[in-house]
Protein backbone atom coordinates (compact mmCIF):
# COMPACT_ATOMS: atom_id res chain seq x y z
CA UNK A 1 5.17 -18.50 7.97
CA UNK A 2 5.09 -14.79 8.73
CA UNK A 3 4.60 -12.56 5.71
CA UNK A 4 6.95 -9.61 5.79
CA UNK A 5 6.05 -6.39 4.04
CA UNK A 6 7.78 -3.33 2.68
CA UNK A 7 6.60 -1.57 5.85
CA UNK A 8 8.57 -4.06 7.96
CA UNK A 9 11.60 -3.36 5.81
CA UNK A 10 11.20 0.40 6.18
CA UNK A 11 10.97 0.06 9.96
CA UNK A 12 14.23 -1.93 10.01
CA UNK A 13 15.83 0.77 7.85
CA UNK A 14 14.65 3.48 10.24
CA UNK A 15 16.24 1.69 13.20
CA UNK A 16 19.59 1.52 11.40
CA UNK A 17 19.27 5.17 10.36
CA UNK A 18 18.63 6.27 13.95
CA UNK A 19 21.69 4.42 15.25
CA UNK A 20 23.87 5.84 12.47
CA UNK A 21 22.63 9.36 13.12
CA UNK A 22 23.16 9.01 16.87
CA UNK A 23 26.78 8.06 16.22
CA UNK A 24 27.25 10.45 13.28
CA UNK A 25 28.24 7.47 11.14
CA UNK A 26 27.63 6.49 7.54
CA UNK A 27 26.81 3.30 5.66
CA UNK A 28 27.08 1.71 2.20
CA UNK A 29 25.52 -1.47 0.84
CA UNK A 30 26.48 -4.29 -1.52
CA UNK A 31 23.60 -6.71 -1.88
CA UNK A 32 22.80 -9.55 -4.23
CA UNK A 33 19.80 -11.79 -3.69
CA UNK A 34 17.74 -9.08 -1.95
CA UNK A 35 17.84 -7.18 -5.24
CA UNK A 36 18.02 -3.64 -3.88
CA UNK A 37 15.64 -3.92 -0.93
CA UNK A 38 18.34 -3.07 1.64
CA UNK A 39 19.31 0.04 -0.28
CA UNK A 40 15.62 0.96 -0.71
CA UNK A 41 14.94 0.61 3.02
CA UNK A 42 17.74 3.03 3.86
CA UNK A 43 17.00 5.55 1.10
CA UNK A 44 13.31 5.57 2.08
CA UNK A 45 14.25 7.24 5.38
CA UNK A 46 13.71 11.01 5.06
CA UNK A 47 17.06 12.83 4.95
CA UNK A 48 18.96 9.61 4.16
CA UNK A 49 21.80 11.54 2.55
CA UNK A 50 23.12 12.38 6.01
CA UNK A 51 24.05 8.73 6.66
CA UNK A 52 23.66 6.77 3.38
CA UNK A 53 26.74 6.91 1.12
CA UNK A 54 25.55 4.61 -1.67
CA UNK A 55 25.04 1.06 -2.69
CA UNK A 56 24.99 -1.54 -5.42
CA UNK A 57 23.25 -4.72 -6.43
CA UNK A 58 25.90 -7.33 -7.26
CA UNK A 59 23.78 -9.78 -9.23
CA UNK A 60 25.96 -10.51 -12.26
CA UNK A 61 29.57 -11.23 -13.14
CA UNK A 62 30.00 -7.69 -14.47
CA UNK A 63 28.66 -6.27 -11.20
CA UNK A 64 31.08 -8.52 -9.30
CA UNK A 65 33.89 -7.02 -11.40
CA UNK A 66 32.79 -3.50 -10.38
CA UNK A 67 32.76 -4.60 -6.74
CA UNK A 68 36.27 -6.02 -7.14
CA UNK A 69 37.72 -2.92 -8.78
CA UNK A 70 41.51 -3.04 -8.74
CA UNK A 71 41.55 -5.64 -5.95
CA UNK A 72 40.28 -8.90 -7.50
CA UNK A 73 38.07 -11.14 -5.42
CA UNK A 74 39.92 -14.43 -4.80
CA UNK A 75 38.98 -17.05 -7.41
CA UNK A 76 37.99 -19.57 -4.73
CA UNK A 77 35.36 -17.23 -3.23
CA UNK A 78 31.95 -17.82 -4.74
CA UNK A 79 28.66 -16.04 -4.19
CA UNK A 80 26.20 -17.14 -1.51
CA UNK A 81 28.94 -17.69 1.08
CA UNK A 82 29.99 -16.06 4.32
CA UNK A 83 33.29 -15.04 2.71
CA UNK A 84 31.55 -13.28 -0.18
CA UNK A 85 29.08 -11.47 2.10
CA UNK A 86 31.98 -10.16 4.19
CA UNK A 87 33.90 -9.08 1.08
CA UNK A 88 30.78 -7.26 -0.09
CA UNK A 89 30.44 -5.44 3.24
CA UNK A 90 34.11 -4.45 3.37
CA UNK A 91 34.23 -3.33 -0.28
CA UNK A 92 31.02 -1.30 0.00
CA UNK A 93 32.46 0.48 3.04
CA UNK A 94 35.72 1.11 1.19
CA UNK A 95 34.28 2.14 -2.20
CA UNK A 96 31.82 4.62 -0.73
CA UNK A 97 34.13 5.78 2.08
CA UNK A 98 31.56 4.86 4.71
CA UNK A 99 31.98 3.94 8.37
CA UNK A 100 29.90 0.77 7.94
CA UNK A 101 29.23 -1.66 5.11
CA UNK A 102 26.49 -4.22 4.59
CA UNK A 103 26.93 -7.35 2.44
CA UNK A 104 24.18 -9.80 1.45
CA UNK A 105 24.19 -12.86 -0.81
CA UNK A 106 22.24 -16.06 -1.24
CA UNK A 107 19.60 -18.02 -3.13
CA UNK A 108 16.07 -16.63 -2.93
CA UNK A 109 14.25 -19.11 -5.15
CA UNK A 110 12.09 -20.53 -6.42
CA UNK A 111 14.97 -22.85 -7.32
CA UNK A 112 18.52 -23.00 -6.03
CA UNK A 113 21.41 -20.95 -7.35
CA UNK A 114 24.08 -22.05 -9.86
CA UNK A 115 26.37 -23.04 -6.96
CA UNK A 116 23.95 -25.70 -5.72
CA UNK A 117 22.56 -23.84 -2.72
CA UNK A 118 18.84 -24.45 -2.13
CA UNK A 119 16.42 -21.51 -1.99
CA UNK A 120 16.33 -19.72 1.34
CA UNK A 121 20.05 -20.13 2.05
CA UNK A 122 22.14 -16.99 2.30
CA UNK A 123 24.57 -14.88 4.26
CA UNK A 124 24.53 -11.32 5.54
CA UNK A 125 27.49 -9.38 6.88
CA UNK A 126 28.26 -6.04 8.46
CA UNK A 127 31.70 -4.44 8.57
CA UNK A 128 32.60 -1.38 10.61
CA UNK A 129 34.04 -1.04 14.09
CA UNK A 130 33.36 -4.76 14.25
CA UNK A 131 32.63 -7.47 11.70
CA UNK A 132 29.70 -9.84 12.05
CA UNK A 133 28.04 -12.38 9.80
CA UNK A 134 24.85 -14.41 9.93
CA UNK A 135 23.81 -17.49 7.97
CA UNK A 136 20.21 -17.59 6.77
CA UNK A 137 18.15 -20.74 6.24
CA UNK A 138 14.51 -19.86 5.76
CA UNK A 139 13.37 -23.31 4.59
CA UNK A 140 11.25 -21.50 2.04
CA UNK A 141 11.36 -21.38 -1.77
CA UNK A 142 9.19 -18.25 -2.17
CA UNK A 143 11.43 -15.69 -3.87
CA UNK A 144 9.71 -12.52 -2.64
CA UNK A 145 9.48 -13.78 0.95
CA UNK A 146 13.17 -14.72 0.96
CA UNK A 147 14.18 -11.36 -0.49
CA UNK A 148 12.43 -9.59 2.39
CA UNK A 149 13.84 -12.06 4.96
CA UNK A 150 17.39 -11.54 3.69
CA UNK A 151 17.07 -7.74 3.58
CA UNK A 152 15.55 -7.47 7.05
CA UNK A 153 18.13 -9.88 8.48
CA UNK A 154 20.92 -7.72 7.03
CA UNK A 155 19.44 -4.56 8.54
CA UNK A 156 18.82 -6.20 11.94
CA UNK A 157 22.38 -7.58 12.04
CA UNK A 158 23.70 -4.11 11.17
CA UNK A 159 21.57 -2.46 13.85
CA UNK A 160 22.96 -4.88 16.44
CA UNK A 161 26.55 -4.37 15.26
CA UNK A 162 26.30 -0.57 15.39
CA UNK A 163 24.74 -0.67 18.86
CA UNK A 164 27.43 -3.01 20.24
């Protein structure tokens, strides 16, 4: 197993920042299981305010209510799913008036989540000129490792989507 570091995360954030700057585009983030690492990777880039609109960590029911705003999330959509990751990405883009949105959700460990998903299972999504999603299955129950894996996967997916 490769051990990812904050430096790896920062590098992924820099790649996204460069693509956004090249296209004069902006981004917003709604993450869950990664706990703020995606937002941190983007804000760590010097001058981030020229592309980063804002972000949130949707980790609780009250945070989910803020994400929903006046447009309730359908009752049948639960966390740690492709549908929820895509809703997160779309809502972040909308709420912060950004060109792109990132969504991330899943179970980082050491045990599964309340929905029955095992640790290491999650989804990331990007919404902008295109919409893409990616399922994650790390096969790992180490919380910190999964948080980094999820965050970097979200940034790499976003980098690919912006470049497309």
